[in-house]
Amino acid sequence: QFQEAFGVKPDGVVGPQTGYRLLTSDPADP
């Protein structure tokens, strides 16, 4: 669901693109 929302292929695998999106989705998250 996160991948779909952030424009990454929703394959259910955290690779470099998904990891980048996870780490940059909320700048306020410590």
Full PDB file with SEQRES, HELIX, SHEET, SSBOND, CRYST1, ORIGX, SCALE, CONECT and MASTER records, all heavy atoms in Angstrom:
SEQRES   1 A   30  GLN PHE GLN GLU ALA PHE GLY VAL LYS PRO ASP GLY VAL          
SEQRES   2 A   30  VAL GLY PRO GLN THR GLY TYR ARG LEU LEU THR SER ASP          
SEQRES   3 A   30  PRO ALA ASP PRO                                              
HELIX    1 AA1 PHE A    2  ALA A    5  1                                   4    
HELIX    2 AA2 PRO A   16  THR A   24  1                                   9    
CRYST1    1.000    1.000    1.000  90.00  90.00  90.00 P 1           1          
ORIGX1      1.000000  0.000000  0.000000        0.00000                         
ORIGX2      0.000000  1.000000  0.000000        0.00000                         
ORIGX3      0.000000  0.000000  1.000000        0.00000                         
SCALE1      1.000000  0.000000  0.000000        0.00000                         
SCALE2      0.000000  1.000000  0.000000        0.00000                         
SCALE3      0.000000  0.000000  1.000000        0.00000                         
ATOM      1  N   GLN A   1       0.835  -1.201   0.000  1.00  0.00           N  
ATOM      2  CA  GLN A   1       0.000   0.000   0.000  1.00  0.00           C  
ATOM      3  C   GLN A   1       0.872   1.253   0.000  1.00  0.00           C  
ATOM      4  O   GLN A   1       0.582   2.214  -0.703  1.00  0.00           O  
ATOM      5  CB  GLN A   1      -0.933  -0.005   1.214  1.00  0.00           C  
ATOM      6  CG  GLN A   1      -2.007  -1.047   1.126  1.00  0.00           C  
ATOM      7  CD  GLN A   1      -2.817  -1.147   2.413  1.00  0.00           C  
ATOM      8  OE1 GLN A   1      -2.392  -0.726   3.481  1.00  0.00           O  
ATOM      9  NE2 GLN A   1      -3.998  -1.741   2.317  1.00  0.00           N  
ATOM     10  N   PHE A   2       1.933   1.221   0.796  1.00  0.00           N  
ATOM     11  CA  PHE A   2       2.876   2.339   0.838  1.00  0.00           C  
ATOM     12  C   PHE A   2       3.511   2.540  -0.533  1.00  0.00           C  
ATOM     13  O   PHE A   2       3.591   3.660  -1.037  1.00  0.00           O  
ATOM     14  CB  PHE A   2       3.949   2.073   1.905  1.00  0.00           C  
ATOM     15  CG  PHE A   2       4.956   3.163   2.039  1.00  0.00           C  
ATOM     16  CD1 PHE A   2       4.768   4.188   2.957  1.00  0.00           C  
ATOM     17  CD2 PHE A   2       6.104   3.173   1.259  1.00  0.00           C  
ATOM     18  CE1 PHE A   2       5.701   5.205   3.094  1.00  0.00           C  
ATOM     19  CE2 PHE A   2       7.041   4.187   1.378  1.00  0.00           C  
ATOM     20  CZ  PHE A   2       6.848   5.210   2.300  1.00  0.00           C  
ATOM     21  N   GLN A   3       3.954   1.448  -1.152  1.00  0.00           N  
ATOM     22  CA  GLN A   3       4.579   1.541  -2.472  1.00  0.00           C  
ATOM     23  C   GLN A   3       3.620   2.145  -3.500  1.00  0.00           C  
ATOM     24  O   GLN A   3       4.023   2.997  -4.290  1.00  0.00           O  
ATOM     25  CB  GLN A   3       5.050   0.149  -2.931  1.00  0.00           C  
ATOM     26  CG  GLN A   3       6.251  -0.359  -2.163  1.00  0.00           C  
ATOM     27  CD  GLN A   3       6.597  -1.801  -2.507  1.00  0.00           C  
ATOM     28  OE1 GLN A   3       5.724  -2.663  -2.630  1.00  0.00           O  
ATOM     29  NE2 GLN A   3       7.883  -2.067  -2.659  1.00  0.00           N  
ATOM     30  N   GLU A   4       2.379   1.701  -3.499  1.00  0.00           N  
ATOM     31  CA  GLU A   4       1.395   2.249  -4.434  1.00  0.00           C  
ATOM     32  C   GLU A   4       1.218   3.746  -4.224  1.00  0.00           C  
ATOM     33  O   GLU A   4       1.169   4.514  -5.178  1.00  0.00           O  
ATOM     34  CB  GLU A   4       0.049   1.535  -4.275  1.00  0.00           C  
ATOM     35  CG  GLU A   4       0.025   0.130  -4.823  1.00  0.00           C  
ATOM     36  CD  GLU A   4      -1.289  -0.584  -4.565  1.00  0.00           C  
ATOM     37  OE1 GLU A   4      -2.229   0.025  -4.004  1.00  0.00           O  
ATOM     38  OE2 GLU A   4      -1.388  -1.775  -4.922  1.00  0.00           O  
ATOM     39  N   ALA A   5       1.128   4.169  -2.968  1.00  0.00           N  
ATOM     40  CA  ALA A   5       0.914   5.580  -2.651  1.00  0.00           C  
ATOM     41  C   ALA A   5       2.099   6.450  -3.052  1.00  0.00           C  
ATOM     42  O   ALA A   5       1.931   7.619  -3.392  1.00  0.00           O  
ATOM     43  CB  ALA A   5       0.629   5.743  -1.159  1.00  0.00           C  
ATOM     44  N   PHE A   6       3.304   5.874  -3.040  1.00  0.00           N  
ATOM     45  CA  PHE A   6       4.503   6.656  -3.328  1.00  0.00           C  
ATOM     46  C   PHE A   6       5.084   6.379  -4.713  1.00  0.00           C  
ATOM     47  O   PHE A   6       6.219   6.743  -5.004  1.00  0.00           O  
ATOM     48  CB  PHE A   6       5.555   6.435  -2.237  1.00  0.00           C  
ATOM     49  CG  PHE A   6       5.215   7.171  -0.968  1.00  0.00           C  
ATOM     50  CD1 PHE A   6       4.391   6.596  -0.025  1.00  0.00           C  
ATOM     51  CD2 PHE A   6       5.695   8.453  -0.749  1.00  0.00           C  
ATOM     52  CE1 PHE A   6       4.051   7.285   1.134  1.00  0.00           C  
ATOM     53  CE2 PHE A   6       5.362   9.154   0.402  1.00  0.00           C  
ATOM     54  CZ  PHE A   6       4.537   8.562   1.345  1.00  0.00           C  
ATOM     55  N   GLY A   7       4.292   5.744  -5.578  1.00  0.00           N  
ATOM     56  CA  GLY A   7       4.700   5.568  -6.970  1.00  0.00           C  
ATOM     57  C   GLY A   7       5.823   4.584  -7.209  1.00  0.00           C  
ATOM     58  O   GLY A   7       6.576   4.712  -8.170  1.00  0.00           O  
ATOM     59  N   VAL A   8       5.916   3.580  -6.343  1.00  0.00           N  
ATOM     60  CA  VAL A   8       6.925   2.530  -6.509  1.00  0.00           C  
ATOM     61  C   VAL A   8       6.183   1.241  -6.854  1.00  0.00           C  
ATOM     62  O   VAL A   8       5.075   1.007  -6.366  1.00  0.00           O  
ATOM     63  CB  VAL A   8       7.741   2.333  -5.198  1.00  0.00           C  
ATOM     64  CG1 VAL A   8       8.784   1.255  -5.360  1.00  0.00           C  
ATOM     65  CG2 VAL A   8       8.390   3.642  -4.771  1.00  0.00           C  
ATOM     66  N   LYS A   9       6.777   0.417  -7.700  1.00  0.00           N  
ATOM     67  CA  LYS A   9       6.158  -0.851  -8.071  1.00  0.00           C  
ATOM     68  C   LYS A   9       5.773  -1.608  -6.797  1.00  0.00           C  
ATOM     69  O   LYS A   9       6.626  -1.897  -5.956  1.00  0.00           O  
ATOM     70  CB  LYS A   9       7.124  -1.689  -8.899  1.00  0.00           C  
ATOM     71  CG  LYS A   9       6.585  -3.027  -9.325  1.00  0.00           C  
ATOM     72  CD  LYS A   9       7.614  -3.813 -10.115  1.00  0.00           C  
ATOM     73  CE  LYS A   9       7.098  -5.190 -10.435  1.00  0.00           C  
ATOM     74  NZ  LYS A   9       8.133  -6.002 -11.084  1.00  0.00           N  
ATOM     75  N   PRO A  10       4.481  -1.940  -6.630  1.00  0.00           N  
ATOM     76  CA  PRO A  10       4.014  -2.584  -5.395  1.00  0.00           C  
ATOM     77  C   PRO A  10       4.321  -4.081  -5.344  1.00  0.00           C  
ATOM     78  O   PRO A  10       3.433  -4.931  -5.337  1.00  0.00           O  
ATOM     79  CB  PRO A  10       2.508  -2.320  -5.405  1.00  0.00           C  
ATOM     80  CG  PRO A  10       2.161  -2.242  -6.846  1.00  0.00           C  
ATOM     81  CD  PRO A  10       3.364  -1.619  -7.523  1.00  0.00           C  
ATOM     82  N   ASP A  11       5.611  -4.398  -5.280  1.00  0.00           N  
ATOM     83  CA  ASP A  11       6.029  -5.798  -5.277  1.00  0.00           C  
ATOM     84  C   ASP A  11       6.213  -6.370  -3.877  1.00  0.00           C  
ATOM     85  O   ASP A  11       6.495  -7.555  -3.718  1.00  0.00           O  
ATOM     86  CB  ASP A  11       7.310  -5.974  -6.090  1.00  0.00           C  
ATOM     87  CG  ASP A  11       8.467  -5.132  -5.578  1.00  0.00           C  
ATOM     88  OD1 ASP A  11       8.338  -4.464  -4.524  1.00  0.00           O  
ATOM     89  OD2 ASP A  11       9.522  -5.136  -6.241  1.00  0.00           O  
ATOM     90  N   GLY A  12       6.062  -5.545  -2.842  1.00  0.00           N  
ATOM     91  CA  GLY A  12       6.210  -6.033  -1.476  1.00  0.00           C  
ATOM     92  C   GLY A  12       7.638  -6.317  -1.075  1.00  0.00           C  
ATOM     93  O   GLY A  12       7.885  -7.059  -0.123  1.00  0.00           O  
ATOM     94  N   VAL A  13       8.591  -5.716  -1.774  1.00  0.00           N  
ATOM     95  CA  VAL A  13      10.012  -5.896  -1.469  1.00  0.00           C  
ATOM     96  C   VAL A  13      10.632  -4.524  -1.233  1.00  0.00           C  
ATOM     97  O   VAL A  13      10.400  -3.590  -2.010  1.00  0.00           O  
ATOM     98  CB  VAL A  13      10.749  -6.613  -2.630  1.00  0.00           C  
ATOM     99  CG1 VAL A  13      12.249  -6.666  -2.389  1.00  0.00           C  
ATOM    100  CG2 VAL A  13      10.188  -8.017  -2.826  1.00  0.00           C  
ATOM    101  N   VAL A  14      11.413  -4.407  -0.174  1.00  0.00           N  
ATOM    102  CA  VAL A  14      12.132  -3.162   0.082  1.00  0.00           C  
ATOM    103  C   VAL A  14      13.492  -3.265  -0.591  1.00  0.00           C  
ATOM    104  O   VAL A  14      14.397  -3.920  -0.105  1.00  0.00           O  
ATOM    105  CB  VAL A  14      12.312  -2.886   1.591  1.00  0.00           C  
ATOM    106  CG1 VAL A  14      13.067  -1.575   1.803  1.00  0.00           C  
ATOM    107  CG2 VAL A  14      10.975  -2.849   2.293  1.00  0.00           C  
ATOM    108  N   GLY A  15      13.578  -2.649  -1.765  1.00  0.00           N  
ATOM    109  CA  GLY A  15      14.836  -2.482  -2.470  1.00  0.00           C  
ATOM    110  C   GLY A  15      15.244  -1.027  -2.350  1.00  0.00           C  
ATOM    111  O   GLY A  15      14.656  -0.268  -1.563  1.00  0.00           O  
ATOM    112  N   PRO A  16      16.225  -0.576  -3.129  1.00  0.00           N  
ATOM    113  CA  PRO A  16      16.709   0.807  -3.006  1.00  0.00           C  
ATOM    114  C   PRO A  16      15.650   1.879  -3.202  1.00  0.00           C  
ATOM    115  O   PRO A  16      15.621   2.851  -2.440  1.00  0.00           O  
ATOM    116  CB  PRO A  16      17.795   0.893  -4.074  1.00  0.00           C  
ATOM    117  CG  PRO A  16      18.286  -0.506  -4.234  1.00  0.00           C  
ATOM    118  CD  PRO A  16      17.066  -1.362  -4.032  1.00  0.00           C  
ATOM    119  N   GLN A  17      14.771   1.749  -4.178  1.00  0.00           N  
ATOM    120  CA  GLN A  17      13.774   2.789  -4.409  1.00  0.00           C  
ATOM    121  C   GLN A  17      12.744   2.852  -3.280  1.00  0.00           C  
ATOM    122  O   GLN A  17      12.386   3.933  -2.807  1.00  0.00           O  
ATOM    123  CB  GLN A  17      13.080   2.589  -5.762  1.00  0.00           C  
ATOM    124  CG  GLN A  17      14.010   2.783  -6.940  1.00  0.00           C  
ATOM    125  CD  GLN A  17      14.706   4.142  -6.918  1.00  0.00           C  
ATOM    126  OE1 GLN A  17      14.092   5.174  -6.684  1.00  0.00           O  
ATOM    127  NE2 GLN A  17      16.009   4.143  -7.140  1.00  0.00           N  
ATOM    128  N   THR A  18      12.270   1.694  -2.845  1.00  0.00           N  
ATOM    129  CA  THR A  18      11.311   1.674  -1.739  1.00  0.00           C  
ATOM    130  C   THR A  18      11.984   2.142  -0.452  1.00  0.00           C  
ATOM    131  O   THR A  18      11.393   2.896   0.325  1.00  0.00           O  
ATOM    132  CB  THR A  18      10.708   0.273  -1.558  1.00  0.00           C  
ATOM    133  OG1 THR A  18       9.993  -0.073  -2.749  1.00  0.00           O  
ATOM    134  CG2 THR A  18       9.768   0.213  -0.370  1.00  0.00           C  
ATOM    135  N   GLY A  19      13.218   1.703  -0.216  1.00  0.00           N  
ATOM    136  CA  GLY A  19      13.943   2.150   0.971  1.00  0.00           C  
ATOM    137  C   GLY A  19      14.089   3.659   1.006  1.00  0.00           C  
ATOM    138  O   GLY A  19      13.893   4.300   2.039  1.00  0.00           O  
ATOM    139  N   TYR A  20      14.410   4.237  -0.152  1.00  0.00           N  
ATOM    140  CA  TYR A  20      14.524   5.697  -0.244  1.00  0.00           C  
ATOM    141  C   TYR A  20      13.194   6.361   0.108  1.00  0.00           C  
ATOM    142  O   TYR A  20      13.156   7.325   0.869  1.00  0.00           O  
ATOM    143  CB  TYR A  20      14.975   6.096  -1.653  1.00  0.00           C  
ATOM    144  CG  TYR A  20      15.024   7.584  -1.855  1.00  0.00           C  
ATOM    145  CD1 TYR A  20      16.097   8.328  -1.374  1.00  0.00           C  
ATOM    146  CD2 TYR A  20      13.995   8.246  -2.510  1.00  0.00           C  
ATOM    147  CE1 TYR A  20      16.139   9.711  -1.543  1.00  0.00           C  
ATOM    148  CE2 TYR A  20      14.022   9.618  -2.686  1.00  0.00           C  
ATOM    149  CZ  TYR A  20      15.106  10.345  -2.204  1.00  0.00           C  
ATOM    150  OH  TYR A  20      15.140  11.708  -2.364  1.00  0.00           O  
ATOM    151  N   ARG A  21      12.103   5.840  -0.443  1.00  0.00           N  
ATOM    152  CA  ARG A  21      10.777   6.423  -0.163  1.00  0.00           C  
ATOM    153  C   ARG A  21      10.423   6.282   1.320  1.00  0.00           C  
ATOM    154  O   ARG A  21       9.867   7.199   1.914  1.00  0.00           O  
ATOM    155  CB  ARG A  21       9.694   5.763  -1.011  1.00  0.00           C  
ATOM    156  CG  ARG A  21       9.845   5.984  -2.479  1.00  0.00           C  
ATOM    157  CD  ARG A  21       9.483   7.409  -2.842  1.00  0.00           C  
ATOM    158  NE  ARG A  21       9.417   7.517  -4.282  1.00  0.00           N  
ATOM    159  CZ  ARG A  21       9.949   8.510  -4.969  1.00  0.00           C  
ATOM    160  NH1 ARG A  21      10.563   9.488  -4.353  1.00  0.00           N  
ATOM    161  NH2 ARG A  21       9.864   8.541  -6.272  1.00  0.00           N  
ATOM    162  N   LEU A  22      10.735   5.134   1.903  1.00  0.00           N  
ATOM    163  CA  LEU A  22      10.466   4.945   3.324  1.00  0.00           C  
ATOM    164  C   LEU A  22      11.246   5.955   4.172  1.00  0.00           C  
ATOM    165  O   LEU A  22      10.723   6.500   5.139  1.00  0.00           O  
ATOM    166  CB  LEU A  22      10.821   3.522   3.763  1.00  0.00           C  
ATOM    167  CG  LEU A  22       9.871   2.413   3.314  1.00  0.00           C  
ATOM    168  CD1 LEU A  22      10.526   1.052   3.463  1.00  0.00           C  
ATOM    169  CD2 LEU A  22       8.561   2.456   4.099  1.00  0.00           C  
ATOM    170  N   LEU A  23      12.481   6.201   3.797  1.00  0.00           N  
ATOM    171  CA  LEU A  23      13.336   7.080   4.590  1.00  0.00           C  
ATOM    172  C   LEU A  23      13.085   8.565   4.349  1.00  0.00           C  
ATOM    173  O   LEU A  23      13.602   9.404   5.085  1.00  0.00           O  
ATOM    174  CB  LEU A  23      14.812   6.766   4.313  1.00  0.00           C  
ATOM    175  CG  LEU A  23      15.289   5.441   4.894  1.00  0.00           C  
ATOM    176  CD1 LEU A  23      16.673   5.088   4.352  1.00  0.00           C  
ATOM    177  CD2 LEU A  23      15.299   5.487   6.412  1.00  0.00           C  
ATOM    178  N   THR A  24      12.297   8.891   3.340  1.00  0.00           N  
ATOM    179  CA  THR A  24      12.059  10.307   3.031  1.00  0.00           C  
ATOM    180  C   THR A  24      10.572  10.673   3.042  1.00  0.00           C  
ATOM    181  O   THR A  24      10.224  11.787   2.662  1.00  0.00           O  
ATOM    182  CB  THR A  24      12.660  10.678   1.662  1.00  0.00           C  
ATOM    183  OG1 THR A  24      12.065   9.856   0.643  1.00  0.00           O  
ATOM    184  CG2 THR A  24      14.164  10.503   1.648  1.00  0.00           C  
ATOM    185  N   SER A  25       9.716   9.783   3.484  1.00  0.00           N  
ATOM    186  CA  SER A  25       8.276  10.048   3.423  1.00  0.00           C  
ATOM    187  C   SER A  25       7.803  11.052   4.470  1.00  0.00           C  
ATOM    188  O   SER A  25       6.788  11.693   4.284  1.00  0.00           O  
ATOM    189  CB  SER A  25       7.483   8.743   3.566  1.00  0.00           C  
ATOM    190  OG  SER A  25       7.681   8.171   4.845  1.00  0.00           O  
ATOM    191  N   ASP A  26       8.538  11.187   5.572  1.00  0.00           N  
ATOM    192  CA  ASP A  26       8.125  12.123   6.629  1.00  0.00           C  
ATOM    193  C   ASP A  26       9.366  12.705   7.302  1.00  0.00           C  
ATOM    194  O   ASP A  26       9.940  12.074   8.188  1.00  0.00           O  
ATOM    195  CB  ASP A  26       7.254  11.410   7.663  1.00  0.00           C  
ATOM    196  CG  ASP A  26       6.774  12.339   8.770  1.00  0.00           C  
ATOM    197  OD1 ASP A  26       7.096  13.546   8.744  1.00  0.00           O  
ATOM    198  OD2 ASP A  26       6.067  11.848   9.670  1.00  0.00           O  
ATOM    199  N   PRO A  27       9.786  13.895   6.903  1.00  0.00           N  
ATOM    200  CA  PRO A  27      10.988  14.502   7.484  1.00  0.00           C  
ATOM    201  C   PRO A  27      10.916  14.700   8.997  1.00  0.00           C  
ATOM    202  O   PRO A  27      11.948  14.807   9.646  1.00  0.00           O  
ATOM    203  CB  PRO A  27      11.095  15.852   6.780  1.00  0.00           C  
ATOM    204  CG  PRO A  27      10.232  15.759   5.582  1.00  0.00           C  
ATOM    205  CD  PRO A  27       9.180  14.729   5.883  1.00  0.00           C  
ATOM    206  N   ALA A  28       9.722  14.724   9.569  1.00  0.00           N  
ATOM    207  CA  ALA A  28       9.585  14.921  11.012  1.00  0.00           C  
ATOM    208  C   ALA A  28       9.791  13.623  11.804  1.00  0.00           C  
ATOM    209  O   ALA A  28       9.946  13.661  13.020  1.00  0.00           O  
ATOM    210  CB  ALA A  28       8.221  15.504  11.336  1.00  0.00           C  
ATOM    211  N   ASP A  29       9.793  12.485  11.126  1.00  0.00           N  
ATOM    212  CA  ASP A  29       9.955  11.197  11.807  1.00  0.00           C  
ATOM    213  C   ASP A  29      11.424  11.001  12.163  1.00  0.00           C  
ATOM    214  O   ASP A  29      12.277  10.938  11.279  1.00  0.00           O  
ATOM    215  CB  ASP A  29       9.468  10.071  10.893  1.00  0.00           C  
ATOM    216  CG  ASP A  29       9.479   8.702  11.562  1.00  0.00           C  
ATOM    217  OD1 ASP A  29      10.105   8.543  12.628  1.00  0.00           O  
ATOM    218  OD2 ASP A  29       8.860   7.783  11.008  1.00  0.00           O  
ATOM    219  N   PRO A  30      11.764  10.870  13.451  1.00  0.00           N  
ATOM    220  CA  PRO A  30      13.170  10.749  13.846  1.00  0.00           C  
ATOM    221  C   PRO A  30      13.840   9.449  13.393  1.00  0.00           C  
ATOM    222  O   PRO A  30      15.069   9.349  13.426  1.00  0.00           O  
ATOM    223  CB  PRO A  30      13.120  10.830  15.378  1.00  0.00           C  
ATOM    224  CG  PRO A  30      11.746  10.385  15.736  1.00  0.00           C  
ATOM    225  CD  PRO A  30      10.869  10.836  14.603  1.00  0.00           C  
TER     226      PRO A  30                                                      
MASTER        0    0    0    2    0    0    0    6  225    1    0    3          
END                                                                             
